[in-house]
Amino acid sequence: RIFYERHGRTEQYRAWAARIKEERRVFLLKMGVEEEILDQVHYRLAL
């Protein structure tokens, strides 16, 4: 993140991070992790 900020590419980093988080969520849903658990994990990651 710091690298991107220093090079004026913060938006690129945010887009990448959002994509990775969504991919992780989809993967975990396929593995049977409950939606309620994912919602709690996502909330903590957003802080």
PDB file of N, CA and C in Angstrom:
ATOM      1  N   ARG A   1       0.823  -1.186   0.000  1.00  0.00           N
ATOM      2  CA  ARG A   1       0.000   0.000   0.000  1.00  0.00           C
ATOM      3  C   ARG A   1       0.867   1.250   0.000  1.00  0.00           C
ATOM      4  N   ILE A   2       1.879   1.258   0.814  1.00  0.00           N
ATOM      5  CA  ILE A   2       2.738   2.440   0.922  1.00  0.00           C
ATOM      6  C   ILE A   2       3.408   2.750  -0.412  1.00  0.00           C
ATOM      7  N   PHE A   3       3.874   1.717  -1.103  1.00  0.00           N
ATOM      8  CA  PHE A   3       4.495   1.915  -2.413  1.00  0.00           C
ATOM      9  C   PHE A   3       3.537   2.637  -3.353  1.00  0.00           C
ATOM     10  N   TYR A   4       2.299   2.161  -3.404  1.00  0.00           N
ATOM     11  CA  TYR A   4       1.310   2.765  -4.296  1.00  0.00           C
ATOM     12  C   TYR A   4       1.038   4.218  -3.914  1.00  0.00           C
ATOM     13  N   GLU A   5       0.928   4.478  -2.622  1.00  0.00           N
ATOM     14  CA  GLU A   5       0.683   5.847  -2.169  1.00  0.00           C
ATOM     15  C   GLU A   5       1.831   6.771  -2.560  1.00  0.00           C
ATOM     16  N   ARG A   6       3.053   6.305  -2.388  1.00  0.00           N
ATOM     17  CA  ARG A   6       4.226   7.127  -2.708  1.00  0.00           C
ATOM     18  C   ARG A   6       4.330   7.439  -4.196  1.00  0.00           C
ATOM     19  N   HIS A   7       3.764   6.578  -5.011  1.00  0.00           N
ATOM     20  CA  HIS A   7       3.847   6.759  -6.455  1.00  0.00           C
ATOM     21  C   HIS A   7       2.548   7.282  -7.071  1.00  0.00           C
ATOM     22  N   GLY A   8       1.657   7.795  -6.214  1.00  0.00           N
ATOM     23  CA  GLY A   8       0.419   8.391  -6.698  1.00  0.00           C
ATOM     24  C   GLY A   8      -0.536   7.393  -7.331  1.00  0.00           C
ATOM     25  N   ARG A   9      -0.483   6.154  -6.865  1.00  0.00           N
ATOM     26  CA  ARG A   9      -1.304   5.095  -7.455  1.00  0.00           C
ATOM     27  C   ARG A   9      -2.261   4.492  -6.427  1.00  0.00           C
ATOM     28  N   THR A  10      -2.733   5.324  -5.518  1.00  0.00           N
ATOM     29  CA  THR A  10      -3.602   4.849  -4.449  1.00  0.00           C
ATOM     30  C   THR A  10      -4.870   4.208  -4.997  1.00  0.00           C
ATOM     31  N   GLU A  11      -5.467   4.808  -6.011  1.00  0.00           N
ATOM     32  CA  GLU A  11      -6.709   4.256  -6.574  1.00  0.00           C
ATOM     33  C   GLU A  11      -6.467   2.877  -7.182  1.00  0.00           C
ATOM     34  N   GLN A  12      -5.336   2.690  -7.807  1.00  0.00           N
ATOM     35  CA  GLN A  12      -4.995   1.379  -8.373  1.00  0.00           C
ATOM     36  C   GLN A  12      -4.905   0.334  -7.256  1.00  0.00           C
ATOM     37  N   TYR A  13      -4.291   0.708  -6.148  1.00  0.00           N
ATOM     38  CA  TYR A  13      -4.187  -0.206  -5.011  1.00  0.00           C
ATOM     39  C   TYR A  13      -5.572  -0.546  -4.456  1.00  0.00           C
ATOM     40  N   ARG A  14      -6.407   0.465  -4.297  1.00  0.00           N
ATOM     41  CA  ARG A  14      -7.755   0.231  -3.753  1.00  0.00           C
ATOM     42  C   ARG A  14      -8.556  -0.711  -4.642  1.00  0.00           C
ATOM     43  N   ALA A  15      -8.450  -0.539  -5.949  1.00  0.00           N
ATOM     44  CA  ALA A  15      -9.159  -1.416  -6.883  1.00  0.00           C
ATOM     45  C   ALA A  15      -8.647  -2.846  -6.763  1.00  0.00           C
ATOM     46  N   TRP A  16      -7.328  -2.994  -6.680  1.00  0.00           N
ATOM     47  CA  TRP A  16      -6.727  -4.319  -6.537  1.00  0.00           C
ATOM     48  C   TRP A  16      -7.186  -4.977  -5.232  1.00  0.00           C
ATOM     49  N   ALA A  17      -7.140  -4.225  -4.129  1.00  0.00           N
ATOM     50  CA  ALA A  17      -7.526  -4.769  -2.829  1.00  0.00           C
ATOM     51  C   ALA A  17      -8.997  -5.192  -2.824  1.00  0.00           C
ATOM     52  N   ALA A  18      -9.862  -4.392  -3.430  1.00  0.00           N
ATOM     53  CA  ALA A  18     -11.291  -4.731  -3.497  1.00  0.00           C
ATOM     54  C   ALA A  18     -11.498  -6.011  -4.299  1.00  0.00           C
ATOM     55  N   ARG A  19     -10.771  -6.145  -5.403  1.00  0.00           N
ATOM     56  CA  ARG A  19     -10.888  -7.348  -6.232  1.00  0.00           C
ATOM     57  C   ARG A  19     -10.429  -8.587  -5.466  1.00  0.00           C
ATOM     58  N   ILE A  20      -9.316  -8.477  -4.773  1.00  0.00           N
ATOM     59  CA  ILE A  20      -8.794  -9.611  -4.010  1.00  0.00           C
ATOM     60  C   ILE A  20      -9.761 -10.007  -2.887  1.00  0.00           C
ATOM     61  N   LYS A  21     -10.321  -9.029  -2.196  1.00  0.00           N
ATOM     62  CA  LYS A  21     -11.277  -9.326  -1.126  1.00  0.00           C
ATOM     63  C   LYS A  21     -12.503 -10.048  -1.664  1.00  0.00           C
ATOM     64  N   GLU A  22     -12.995  -9.609  -2.824  1.00  0.00           N
ATOM     65  CA  GLU A  22     -14.166 -10.260  -3.416  1.00  0.00           C
ATOM     66  C   GLU A  22     -13.831 -11.677  -3.863  1.00  0.00           C
ATOM     67  N   GLU A  23     -12.659 -11.860  -4.457  1.00  0.00           N
ATOM     68  CA  GLU A  23     -12.243 -13.203  -4.873  1.00  0.00           C
ATOM     69  C   GLU A  23     -12.128 -14.130  -3.665  1.00  0.00           C
ATOM     70  N   ARG A  24     -11.597 -13.611  -2.568  1.00  0.00           N
ATOM     71  CA  ARG A  24     -11.473 -14.403  -1.339  1.00  0.00           C
ATOM     72  C   ARG A  24     -12.854 -14.789  -0.827  1.00  0.00           C
ATOM     73  N   ARG A  25     -13.782 -13.847  -0.857  1.00  0.00           N
ATOM     74  CA  ARG A  25     -15.145 -14.107  -0.385  1.00  0.00           C
ATOM     75  C   ARG A  25     -15.813 -15.209  -1.212  1.00  0.00           C
ATOM     76  N   VAL A  26     -15.689 -15.124  -2.526  1.00  0.00           N
ATOM     77  CA  VAL A  26     -16.273 -16.132  -3.413  1.00  0.00           C
ATOM     78  C   VAL A  26     -15.662 -17.503  -3.131  1.00  0.00           C
ATOM     79  N   PHE A  27     -14.347 -17.547  -2.975  1.00  0.00           N
ATOM     80  CA  PHE A  27     -13.658 -18.805  -2.687  1.00  0.00           C
ATOM     81  C   PHE A  27     -14.160 -19.410  -1.376  1.00  0.00           C
ATOM     82  N   LEU A  28     -14.243 -18.592  -0.341  1.00  0.00           N
ATOM     83  CA  LEU A  28     -14.677 -19.101   0.959  1.00  0.00           C
ATOM     84  C   LEU A  28     -16.126 -19.568   0.933  1.00  0.00           C
ATOM     85  N   LEU A  29     -16.976 -18.888   0.177  1.00  0.00           N
ATOM     86  CA  LEU A  29     -18.360 -19.352   0.026  1.00  0.00           C
ATOM     87  C   LEU A  29     -18.396 -20.722  -0.638  1.00  0.00           C
ATOM     88  N   LYS A  30     -17.560 -20.924  -1.641  1.00  0.00           N
ATOM     89  CA  LYS A  30     -17.494 -22.230  -2.313  1.00  0.00           C
ATOM     90  C   LYS A  30     -17.008 -23.318  -1.363  1.00  0.00           C
ATOM     91  N   MET A  31     -16.199 -22.935  -0.379  1.00  0.00           N
ATOM     92  CA  MET A  31     -15.669 -23.895   0.587  1.00  0.00           C
ATOM     93  C   MET A  31     -16.647 -24.150   1.734  1.00  0.00           C
ATOM     94  N   GLY A  32     -17.800 -23.468   1.710  1.00  0.00           N
ATOM     95  CA  GLY A  32     -18.837 -23.721   2.698  1.00  0.00           C
ATOM     96  C   GLY A  32     -18.817 -22.817   3.920  1.00  0.00           C
ATOM     97  N   VAL A  33     -18.022 -21.773   3.898  1.00  0.00           N
ATOM     98  CA  VAL A  33     -18.006 -20.837   5.024  1.00  0.00           C
ATOM     99  C   VAL A  33     -19.317 -20.049   5.006  1.00  0.00           C
ATOM    100  N   GLU A  34     -19.931 -19.930   6.152  1.00  0.00           N
ATOM    101  CA  GLU A  34     -21.231 -19.262   6.235  1.00  0.00           C
ATOM    102  C   GLU A  34     -21.118 -17.768   5.958  1.00  0.00           C
ATOM    103  N   GLU A  35     -22.150 -17.249   5.336  1.00  0.00           N
ATOM    104  CA  GLU A  35     -22.224 -15.829   4.979  1.00  0.00           C
ATOM    105  C   GLU A  35     -22.044 -14.933   6.209  1.00  0.00           C
ATOM    106  N   GLU A  36     -22.639 -15.324   7.317  1.00  0.00           N
ATOM    107  CA  GLU A  36     -22.541 -14.535   8.549  1.00  0.00           C
ATOM    108  C   GLU A  36     -21.082 -14.389   9.000  1.00  0.00           C
ATOM    109  N   ILE A  37     -20.325 -15.445   8.895  1.00  0.00           N
ATOM    110  CA  ILE A  37     -18.907 -15.391   9.269  1.00  0.00           C
ATOM    111  C   ILE A  37     -18.152 -14.476   8.321  1.00  0.00           C
ATOM    112  N   LEU A  38     -18.415 -14.590   7.044  1.00  0.00           N
ATOM    113  CA  LEU A  38     -17.740 -13.736   6.066  1.00  0.00           C
ATOM    114  C   LEU A  38     -18.058 -12.268   6.297  1.00  0.00           C
ATOM    115  N   ASP A  39     -19.286 -11.979   6.662  1.00  0.00           N
ATOM    116  CA  ASP A  39     -19.659 -10.591   6.940  1.00  0.00           C
ATOM    117  C   ASP A  39     -18.849 -10.036   8.110  1.00  0.00           C
ATOM    118  N   GLN A  40     -18.635 -10.834   9.135  1.00  0.00           N
ATOM    119  CA  GLN A  40     -17.859 -10.396  10.298  1.00  0.00           C
ATOM    120  C   GLN A  40     -16.389 -10.210   9.940  1.00  0.00           C
ATOM    121  N   VAL A  41     -15.836 -11.110   9.167  1.00  0.00           N
ATOM    122  CA  VAL A  41     -14.437 -11.006   8.749  1.00  0.00           C
ATOM    123  C   VAL A  41     -14.259  -9.783   7.867  1.00  0.00           C
ATOM    124  N   HIS A  42     -15.171  -9.563   6.943  1.00  0.00           N
ATOM    125  CA  HIS A  42     -15.085  -8.411   6.040  1.00  0.00           C
ATOM    126  C   HIS A  42     -15.126  -7.116   6.838  1.00  0.00           C
ATOM    127  N   TYR A  43     -15.977  -7.064   7.837  1.00  0.00           N
ATOM    128  CA  TYR A  43     -16.084  -5.861   8.666  1.00  0.00           C
ATOM    129  C   TYR A  43     -14.742  -5.574   9.347  1.00  0.00           C
ATOM    130  N   ARG A  44     -14.128  -6.593   9.895  1.00  0.00           N
ATOM    131  CA  ARG A  44     -12.846  -6.404  10.586  1.00  0.00           C
ATOM    132  C   ARG A  44     -11.752  -5.994   9.615  1.00  0.00           C
ATOM    133  N   LEU A  45     -11.751  -6.525   8.409  1.00  0.00           N
ATOM    134  CA  LEU A  45     -10.740  -6.164   7.419  1.00  0.00           C
ATOM    135  C   LEU A  45     -10.901  -4.721   6.970  1.00  0.00           C
ATOM    136  N   ALA A  46     -12.129  -4.230   7.000  1.00  0.00           N
ATOM    137  CA  ALA A  46     -12.384  -2.868   6.529  1.00  0.00           C
ATOM    138  C   ALA A  46     -11.929  -1.814   7.533  1.00  0.00           C
ATOM    139  N   LEU A  47     -11.727  -2.195   8.782  1.00  0.00           N
ATOM    140  CA  LEU A  47     -11.339  -1.223   9.816  1.00  0.00           C
ATOM    141  C   LEU A  47      -9.941  -0.728   9.666  1.00  0.00           C
TER     142      LEU A  47
END
